[in-house]
Amino acid sequence: MDFAWYSLSLVLTFAAVRWVTENFKFHLRTKKVWVHHWILALGGMVTLFGLGVDEPWVWGAITGVALEGLRRDQWSIVRKAK
């Protein structure tokens, strides 16, 4: 059942993050650096790993956030000049 919780949370979180990113313009960026949500998710993963969190739904959710960000065209940390 752990894999079921992981899978459900991954898909539901992916969809929720997709909806949020399409409907709200919230950005953590400067003129040179853009902190995307996949970067925040990676930081969360490292933190959860360090804390020993072993809940499948938590890992599924944070993986959903990261994967939704990585599928986009513009996902680099360094902002390109326009």
PDB file of N, CA and C in Angstrom:
ATOM      1  N   MET A   1       0.800  -1.204   0.000  1.00  0.00           N
ATOM      2  CA  MET A   1       0.000   0.000   0.000  1.00  0.00           C
ATOM      3  C   MET A   1       0.847   1.275   0.000  1.00  0.00           C
ATOM      4  N   ASP A   2       2.088   1.165   0.458  1.00  0.00           N
ATOM      5  CA  ASP A   2       2.947   2.352   0.454  1.00  0.00           C
ATOM      6  C   ASP A   2       3.126   2.915  -0.945  1.00  0.00           C
ATOM      7  N   PHE A   3       3.289   2.018  -1.919  1.00  0.00           N
ATOM      8  CA  PHE A   3       3.477   2.481  -3.287  1.00  0.00           C
ATOM      9  C   PHE A   3       2.214   3.151  -3.813  1.00  0.00           C
ATOM     10  N   ALA A   4       1.065   2.691  -3.376  1.00  0.00           N
ATOM     11  CA  ALA A   4      -0.207   3.315  -3.774  1.00  0.00           C
ATOM     12  C   ALA A   4      -0.289   4.737  -3.230  1.00  0.00           C
ATOM     13  N   TRP A   5       0.058   4.937  -1.966  1.00  0.00           N
ATOM     14  CA  TRP A   5       0.061   6.288  -1.386  1.00  0.00           C
ATOM     15  C   TRP A   5       1.050   7.196  -2.095  1.00  0.00           C
ATOM     16  N   TYR A   6       2.221   6.651  -2.390  1.00  0.00           N
ATOM     17  CA  TYR A   6       3.240   7.416  -3.118  1.00  0.00           C
ATOM     18  C   TYR A   6       2.699   7.844  -4.480  1.00  0.00           C
ATOM     19  N   SER A   7       2.139   6.918  -5.213  1.00  0.00           N
ATOM     20  CA  SER A   7       1.646   7.200  -6.564  1.00  0.00           C
ATOM     21  C   SER A   7       0.491   8.195  -6.551  1.00  0.00           C
ATOM     22  N   LEU A   8      -0.463   7.988  -5.663  1.00  0.00           N
ATOM     23  CA  LEU A   8      -1.601   8.907  -5.563  1.00  0.00           C
ATOM     24  C   LEU A   8      -1.152  10.324  -5.223  1.00  0.00           C
ATOM     25  N   SER A   9      -0.278  10.453  -4.254  1.00  0.00           N
ATOM     26  CA  SER A   9       0.174  11.788  -3.862  1.00  0.00           C
ATOM     27  C   SER A   9       1.011  12.437  -4.952  1.00  0.00           C
ATOM     28  N   LEU A  10       1.783  11.652  -5.685  1.00  0.00           N
ATOM     29  CA  LEU A  10       2.580  12.201  -6.780  1.00  0.00           C
ATOM     30  C   LEU A  10       1.672  12.792  -7.852  1.00  0.00           C
ATOM     31  N   VAL A  11       0.682  12.038  -8.286  1.00  0.00           N
ATOM     32  CA  VAL A  11      -0.212  12.500  -9.353  1.00  0.00           C
ATOM     33  C   VAL A  11      -1.056  13.687  -8.892  1.00  0.00           C
ATOM     34  N   LEU A  12      -1.621  13.603  -7.695  1.00  0.00           N
ATOM     35  CA  LEU A  12      -2.467  14.691  -7.204  1.00  0.00           C
ATOM     36  C   LEU A  12      -1.674  15.978  -6.982  1.00  0.00           C
ATOM     37  N   THR A  13      -0.471  15.853  -6.439  1.00  0.00           N
ATOM     38  CA  THR A  13       0.357  17.037  -6.226  1.00  0.00           C
ATOM     39  C   THR A  13       0.839  17.625  -7.542  1.00  0.00           C
ATOM     40  N   PHE A  14       1.224  16.776  -8.482  1.00  0.00           N
ATOM     41  CA  PHE A  14       1.636  17.247  -9.802  1.00  0.00           C
ATOM     42  C   PHE A  14       0.517  18.092 -10.413  1.00  0.00           C
ATOM     43  N   ALA A  15      -0.712  17.578 -10.375  1.00  0.00           N
ATOM     44  CA  ALA A  15      -1.857  18.297 -10.938  1.00  0.00           C
ATOM     45  C   ALA A  15      -2.124  19.600 -10.191  1.00  0.00           C
ATOM     46  N   ALA A  16      -2.040  19.566  -8.867  1.00  0.00           N
ATOM     47  CA  ALA A  16      -2.281  20.769  -8.072  1.00  0.00           C
ATOM     48  C   ALA A  16      -1.229  21.840  -8.341  1.00  0.00           C
ATOM     49  N   VAL A  17       0.029  21.441  -8.403  1.00  0.00           N
ATOM     50  CA  VAL A  17       1.104  22.397  -8.675  1.00  0.00           C
ATOM     51  C   VAL A  17       0.963  22.959 -10.088  1.00  0.00           C
ATOM     52  N   ARG A  18       0.573  22.129 -11.021  1.00  0.00           N
ATOM     53  CA  ARG A  18       0.344  22.610 -12.392  1.00  0.00           C
ATOM     54  C   ARG A  18      -0.718  23.690 -12.399  1.00  0.00           C
ATOM     55  N   TRP A  19      -1.833  23.446 -11.686  1.00  0.00           N
ATOM     56  CA  TRP A  19      -2.917  24.422 -11.632  1.00  0.00           C
ATOM     57  C   TRP A  19      -2.441  25.722 -10.980  1.00  0.00           C
ATOM     58  N   VAL A  20      -1.722  25.617  -9.861  1.00  0.00           N
ATOM     59  CA  VAL A  20      -1.239  26.806  -9.150  1.00  0.00           C
ATOM     60  C   VAL A  20      -0.280  27.603 -10.027  1.00  0.00           C
ATOM     61  N   THR A  21       0.669  26.930 -10.676  1.00  0.00           N
ATOM     62  CA  THR A  21       1.649  27.658 -11.487  1.00  0.00           C
ATOM     63  C   THR A  21       1.020  28.292 -12.721  1.00  0.00           C
ATOM     64  N   GLU A  22      -0.069  27.737 -13.220  1.00  0.00           N
ATOM     65  CA  GLU A  22      -0.751  28.308 -14.380  1.00  0.00           C
ATOM     66  C   GLU A  22      -1.667  29.471 -14.000  1.00  0.00           C
ATOM     67  N   ASN A  23      -2.107  29.516 -12.746  1.00  0.00           N
ATOM     68  CA  ASN A  23      -3.105  30.515 -12.344  1.00  0.00           C
ATOM     69  C   ASN A  23      -2.575  31.622 -11.436  1.00  0.00           C
ATOM     70  N   PHE A  24      -1.407  31.441 -10.863  1.00  0.00           N
ATOM     71  CA  PHE A  24      -0.833  32.454  -9.984  1.00  0.00           C
ATOM     72  C   PHE A  24       0.590  32.757 -10.424  1.00  0.00           C
ATOM     73  N   LYS A  25       0.952  34.017 -10.402  1.00  0.00           N
ATOM     74  CA  LYS A  25       2.294  34.439 -10.809  1.00  0.00           C
ATOM     75  C   LYS A  25       3.125  34.770  -9.572  1.00  0.00           C
ATOM     76  N   PHE A  26       3.569  33.730  -8.888  1.00  0.00           N
ATOM     77  CA  PHE A  26       4.405  33.873  -7.707  1.00  0.00           C
ATOM     78  C   PHE A  26       5.800  33.396  -8.077  1.00  0.00           C
ATOM     79  N   HIS A  27       6.794  34.287  -7.954  1.00  0.00           N
ATOM     80  CA  HIS A  27       8.154  33.933  -8.336  1.00  0.00           C
ATOM     81  C   HIS A  27       9.149  34.342  -7.260  1.00  0.00           C
ATOM     82  N   LEU A  28      10.136  33.507  -7.073  1.00  0.00           N
ATOM     83  CA  LEU A  28      11.275  33.839  -6.219  1.00  0.00           C
ATOM     84  C   LEU A  28      12.459  34.052  -7.157  1.00  0.00           C
ATOM     85  N   ARG A  29      12.716  35.318  -7.480  1.00  0.00           N
ATOM     86  CA  ARG A  29      13.786  35.588  -8.443  1.00  0.00           C
ATOM     87  C   ARG A  29      14.399  36.961  -8.213  1.00  0.00           C
ATOM     88  N   THR A  30      15.623  37.089  -8.726  1.00  0.00           N
ATOM     89  CA  THR A  30      16.318  38.366  -8.776  1.00  0.00           C
ATOM     90  C   THR A  30      16.613  38.634 -10.250  1.00  0.00           C
ATOM     91  N   LYS A  31      17.444  39.619 -10.517  1.00  0.00           N
ATOM     92  CA  LYS A  31      17.780  39.904 -11.914  1.00  0.00           C
ATOM     93  C   LYS A  31      18.670  38.826 -12.524  1.00  0.00           C
ATOM     94  N   LYS A  32      19.365  38.049 -11.675  1.00  0.00           N
ATOM     95  CA  LYS A  32      20.294  37.047 -12.189  1.00  0.00           C
ATOM     96  C   LYS A  32      19.875  35.606 -11.890  1.00  0.00           C
ATOM     97  N   VAL A  33      19.108  35.395 -10.832  1.00  0.00           N
ATOM     98  CA  VAL A  33      18.792  34.041 -10.381  1.00  0.00           C
ATOM     99  C   VAL A  33      17.284  33.850 -10.290  1.00  0.00           C
ATOM    100  N   TRP A  34      16.812  32.688 -10.708  1.00  0.00           N
ATOM    101  CA  TRP A  34      15.405  32.338 -10.613  1.00  0.00           C
ATOM    102  C   TRP A  34      15.312  31.031  -9.834  1.00  0.00           C
ATOM    103  N   VAL A  35      14.677  31.071  -8.663  1.00  0.00           N
ATOM    104  CA  VAL A  35      14.522  29.885  -7.836  1.00  0.00           C
ATOM    105  C   VAL A  35      13.182  29.235  -8.198  1.00  0.00           C
ATOM    106  N   HIS A  36      13.240  28.215  -9.031  1.00  0.00           N
ATOM    107  CA  HIS A  36      12.040  27.512  -9.487  1.00  0.00           C
ATOM    108  C   HIS A  36      11.539  26.550  -8.421  1.00  0.00           C
ATOM    109  N   HIS A  37      10.290  26.101  -8.569  1.00  0.00           N
ATOM    110  CA  HIS A  37       9.737  25.211  -7.547  1.00  0.00           C
ATOM    111  C   HIS A  37      10.399  23.835  -7.552  1.00  0.00           C
ATOM    112  N   TRP A  38      11.018  23.442  -8.643  1.00  0.00           N
ATOM    113  CA  TRP A  38      11.732  22.162  -8.607  1.00  0.00           C
ATOM    114  C   TRP A  38      12.978  22.268  -7.727  1.00  0.00           C
ATOM    115  N   ILE A  39      13.567  23.465  -7.664  1.00  0.00           N
ATOM    116  CA  ILE A  39      14.732  23.683  -6.807  1.00  0.00           C
ATOM    117  C   ILE A  39      14.307  23.653  -5.341  1.00  0.00           C
ATOM    118  N   LEU A  40      13.185  24.287  -5.046  1.00  0.00           N
ATOM    119  CA  LEU A  40      12.661  24.259  -3.681  1.00  0.00           C
ATOM    120  C   LEU A  40      12.312  22.829  -3.268  1.00  0.00           C
ATOM    121  N   ALA A  41      11.722  22.060  -4.204  1.00  0.00           N
ATOM    122  CA  ALA A  41      11.388  20.667  -3.913  1.00  0.00           C
ATOM    123  C   ALA A  41      12.650  19.849  -3.646  1.00  0.00           C
ATOM    124  N   LEU A  42      13.685  20.076  -4.427  1.00  0.00           N
ATOM    125  CA  LEU A  42      14.945  19.369  -4.205  1.00  0.00           C
ATOM    126  C   LEU A  42      15.511  19.685  -2.827  1.00  0.00           C
ATOM    127  N   GLY A  43      15.475  20.950  -2.446  1.00  0.00           N
ATOM    128  CA  GLY A  43      15.915  21.326  -1.105  1.00  0.00           C
ATOM    129  C   GLY A  43      15.081  20.650  -0.030  1.00  0.00           C
ATOM    130  N   GLY A  44      13.781  20.556  -0.277  1.00  0.00           N
ATOM    131  CA  GLY A  44      12.905  19.854   0.656  1.00  0.00           C
ATOM    132  C   GLY A  44      13.234  18.378   0.736  1.00  0.00           C
ATOM    133  N   MET A  45      13.558  17.784  -0.403  1.00  0.00           N
ATOM    134  CA  MET A  45      13.932  16.359  -0.420  1.00  0.00           C
ATOM    135  C   MET A  45      15.198  16.109   0.399  1.00  0.00           C
ATOM    136  N   VAL A  46      16.178  16.961   0.218  1.00  0.00           N
ATOM    137  CA  VAL A  46      17.431  16.811   0.964  1.00  0.00           C
ATOM    138  C   VAL A  46      17.158  16.947   2.464  1.00  0.00           C
ATOM    139  N   THR A  47      16.325  17.915   2.819  1.00  0.00           N
ATOM    140  CA  THR A  47      15.969  18.123   4.230  1.00  0.00           C
ATOM    141  C   THR A  47      15.223  16.922   4.794  1.00  0.00           C
ATOM    142  N   LEU A  48      14.220  16.440   4.059  1.00  0.00           N
ATOM    143  CA  LEU A  48      13.447  15.283   4.518  1.00  0.00           C
ATOM    144  C   LEU A  48      14.329  14.048   4.663  1.00  0.00           C
ATOM    145  N   PHE A  49      15.233  13.866   3.721  1.00  0.00           N
ATOM    146  CA  PHE A  49      16.163  12.740   3.789  1.00  0.00           C
ATOM    147  C   PHE A  49      17.029  12.838   5.040  1.00  0.00           C
ATOM    148  N   GLY A  50      17.540  14.039   5.283  1.00  0.00           N
ATOM    149  CA  GLY A  50      18.384  14.254   6.459  1.00  0.00           C
ATOM    150  C   GLY A  50      17.640  14.034   7.764  1.00  0.00           C
ATOM    151  N   LEU A  51      16.341  14.359   7.774  1.00  0.00           N
ATOM    152  CA  LEU A  51      15.525  14.175   8.966  1.00  0.00           C
ATOM    153  C   LEU A  51      15.010  12.742   9.110  1.00  0.00           C
ATOM    154  N   GLY A  52      15.215  11.930   8.087  1.00  0.00           N
ATOM    155  CA  GLY A  52      14.779  10.540   8.145  1.00  0.00           C
ATOM    156  C   GLY A  52      13.286  10.338   7.933  1.00  0.00           C
ATOM    157  N   VAL A  53      12.643  11.275   7.266  1.00  0.00           N
ATOM    158  CA  VAL A  53      11.204  11.144   6.994  1.00  0.00           C
ATOM    159  C   VAL A  53      10.999   9.999   6.007  1.00  0.00           C
ATOM    160  N   ASP A  54      10.075   9.091   6.350  1.00  0.00           N
ATOM    161  CA  ASP A  54       9.889   7.882   5.565  1.00  0.00           C
ATOM    162  C   ASP A  54       8.419   7.663   5.185  1.00  0.00           C
ATOM    163  N   GLU A  55       7.668   8.731   5.019  1.00  0.00           N
ATOM    164  CA  GLU A  55       6.253   8.629   4.657  1.00  0.00           C
ATOM    165  C   GLU A  55       6.107   8.651   3.132  1.00  0.00           C
ATOM    166  N   PRO A  56       5.524   7.606   2.555  1.00  0.00           N
ATOM    167  CA  PRO A  56       5.394   7.537   1.090  1.00  0.00           C
ATOM    168  C   PRO A  56       4.605   8.697   0.492  1.00  0.00           C
ATOM    169  N   TRP A  57       3.558   9.154   1.175  1.00  0.00           N
ATOM    170  CA  TRP A  57       2.756  10.243   0.618  1.00  0.00           C
ATOM    171  C   TRP A  57       3.537  11.551   0.596  1.00  0.00           C
ATOM    172  N   VAL A  58       4.419  11.746   1.575  1.00  0.00           N
ATOM    173  CA  VAL A  58       5.250  12.958   1.606  1.00  0.00           C
ATOM    174  C   VAL A  58       6.234  12.937   0.436  1.00  0.00           C
ATOM    175  N   TRP A  59       6.883  11.794   0.228  1.00  0.00           N
ATOM    176  CA  TRP A  59       7.845  11.679  -0.868  1.00  0.00           C
ATOM    177  C   TRP A  59       7.149  11.753  -2.221  1.00  0.00           C
ATOM    178  N   GLY A  60       5.962  11.194  -2.326  1.00  0.00           N
ATOM    179  CA  GLY A  60       5.196  11.298  -3.568  1.00  0.00           C
ATOM    180  C   GLY A  60       4.831  12.734  -3.871  1.00  0.00           C
ATOM    181  N   ALA A  61       4.398  13.451  -2.849  1.00  0.00           N
ATOM    182  CA  ALA A  61       4.004  14.848  -3.035  1.00  0.00           C
ATOM    183  C   ALA A  61       5.186  15.715  -3.464  1.00  0.00           C
ATOM    184  N   ILE A  62       6.293  15.575  -2.778  1.00  0.00           N
ATOM    185  CA  ILE A  62       7.445  16.422  -3.110  1.00  0.00           C
ATOM    186  C   ILE A  62       8.040  16.039  -4.468  1.00  0.00           C
ATOM    187  N   THR A  63       7.944  14.765  -4.831  1.00  0.00           N
ATOM    188  CA  THR A  63       8.377  14.332  -6.163  1.00  0.00           C
ATOM    189  C   THR A  63       7.465  14.923  -7.227  1.00  0.00           C
ATOM    190  N   GLY A  64       6.164  14.995  -6.954  1.00  0.00           N
ATOM    191  CA  GLY A  64       5.223  15.616  -7.890  1.00  0.00           C
ATOM    192  C   GLY A  64       5.548  17.079  -8.143  1.00  0.00           C
ATOM    193  N   VAL A  65       5.920  17.792  -7.089  1.00  0.00           N
ATOM    194  CA  VAL A  65       6.309  19.205  -7.230  1.00  0.00           C
ATOM    195  C   VAL A  65       7.547  19.324  -8.117  1.00  0.00           C
ATOM    196  N   ALA A  66       8.548  18.502  -7.842  1.00  0.00           N
ATOM    197  CA  ALA A  66       9.798  18.565  -8.609  1.00  0.00           C
ATOM    198  C   ALA A  66       9.573  18.208 -10.079  1.00  0.00           C
ATOM    199  N   LEU A  67       8.830  17.150 -10.328  1.00  0.00           N
ATOM    200  CA  LEU A  67       8.616  16.717 -11.712  1.00  0.00           C
ATOM    201  C   LEU A  67       7.816  17.730 -12.511  1.00  0.00           C
ATOM    202  N   GLU A  68       6.848  18.380 -11.868  1.00  0.00           N
ATOM    203  CA  GLU A  68       6.076  19.395 -12.584  1.00  0.00           C
ATOM    204  C   GLU A  68       6.975  20.542 -13.016  1.00  0.00           C
ATOM    205  N   GLY A  69       7.932  20.916 -12.190  1.00  0.00           N
ATOM    206  CA  GLY A  69       8.837  22.002 -12.543  1.00  0.00           C
ATOM    207  C   GLY A  69       9.844  21.620 -13.607  1.00  0.00           C
ATOM    208  N   LEU A  70      10.321  20.394 -13.575  1.00  0.00           N
ATOM    209  CA  LEU A  70      11.339  19.958 -14.532  1.00  0.00           C
ATOM    210  C   LEU A  70      10.787  19.763 -15.946  1.00  0.00           C
ATOM    211  N   ARG A  71       9.487  19.583 -16.096  1.00  0.00           N
ATOM    212  CA  ARG A  71       8.906  19.364 -17.416  1.00  0.00           C
ATOM    213  C   ARG A  71       8.764  20.656 -18.219  1.00  0.00           C
ATOM    214  N   ARG A  72       8.991  21.785 -17.591  1.00  0.00           N
ATOM    215  CA  ARG A  72       8.843  23.078 -18.264  1.00  0.00           C
ATOM    216  C   ARG A  72      10.075  23.403 -19.115  1.00  0.00           C
ATOM    217  N   ASP A  73       9.884  24.297 -20.084  1.00  0.00           N
ATOM    218  CA  ASP A  73      10.983  24.674 -20.977  1.00  0.00           C
ATOM    219  C   ASP A  73      12.052  25.501 -20.269  1.00  0.00           C
ATOM    220  N   GLN A  74      11.633  26.438 -19.453  1.00  0.00           N
ATOM    221  CA  GLN A  74      12.560  27.336 -18.763  1.00  0.00           C
ATOM    222  C   GLN A  74      12.718  26.889 -17.315  1.00  0.00           C
ATOM    223  N   TRP A  75      13.735  26.117 -17.027  1.00  0.00           N
ATOM    224  CA  TRP A  75      13.912  25.654 -15.659  1.00  0.00           C
ATOM    225  C   TRP A  75      15.304  25.869 -15.105  1.00  0.00           C
ATOM    226  N   SER A  76      16.139  26.610 -15.798  1.00  0.00           N
ATOM    227  CA  SER A  76      17.494  26.827 -15.287  1.00  0.00           C
ATOM    228  C   SER A  76      17.475  27.854 -14.150  1.00  0.00           C
ATOM    229  N   ILE A  77      18.527  27.836 -13.361  1.00  0.00           N
ATOM    230  CA  ILE A  77      18.641  28.737 -12.208  1.00  0.00           C
ATOM    231  C   ILE A  77      19.050  30.132 -12.671  1.00  0.00           C
ATOM    232  N   VAL A  78      19.939  30.228 -13.626  1.00  0.00           N
ATOM    233  CA  VAL A  78      20.434  31.506 -14.113  1.00  0.00           C
ATOM    234  C   VAL A  78      19.432  32.093 -15.098  1.00  0.00           C
ATOM    235  N   ARG A  79      19.030  33.338 -14.844  1.00  0.00           N
ATOM    236  CA  ARG A  79      18.077  33.998 -15.739  1.00  0.00           C
ATOM    237  C   ARG A  79      18.802  34.488 -16.986  1.00  0.00           C
ATOM    238  N   LYS A  80      18.168  34.312 -18.114  1.00  0.00           N
ATOM    239  CA  LYS A  80      18.721  34.779 -19.384  1.00  0.00           C
ATOM    240  C   LYS A  80      18.254  36.201 -19.634  1.00  0.00           C
ATOM    241  N   ALA A  81      19.160  37.041 -20.110  1.00  0.00           N
ATOM    242  CA  ALA A  81      18.819  38.426 -20.410  1.00  0.00           C
ATOM    243  C   ALA A  81      17.907  38.493 -21.616  1.00  0.00           C
ATOM    244  N   LYS A  82      16.925  39.366 -21.542  1.00  0.00           N
ATOM    245  CA  LYS A  82      15.977  39.533 -22.658  1.00  0.00           C
ATOM    246  C   LYS A  82      16.274  40.773 -23.437  1.00  0.00           C
TER     247      LYS A  82
END
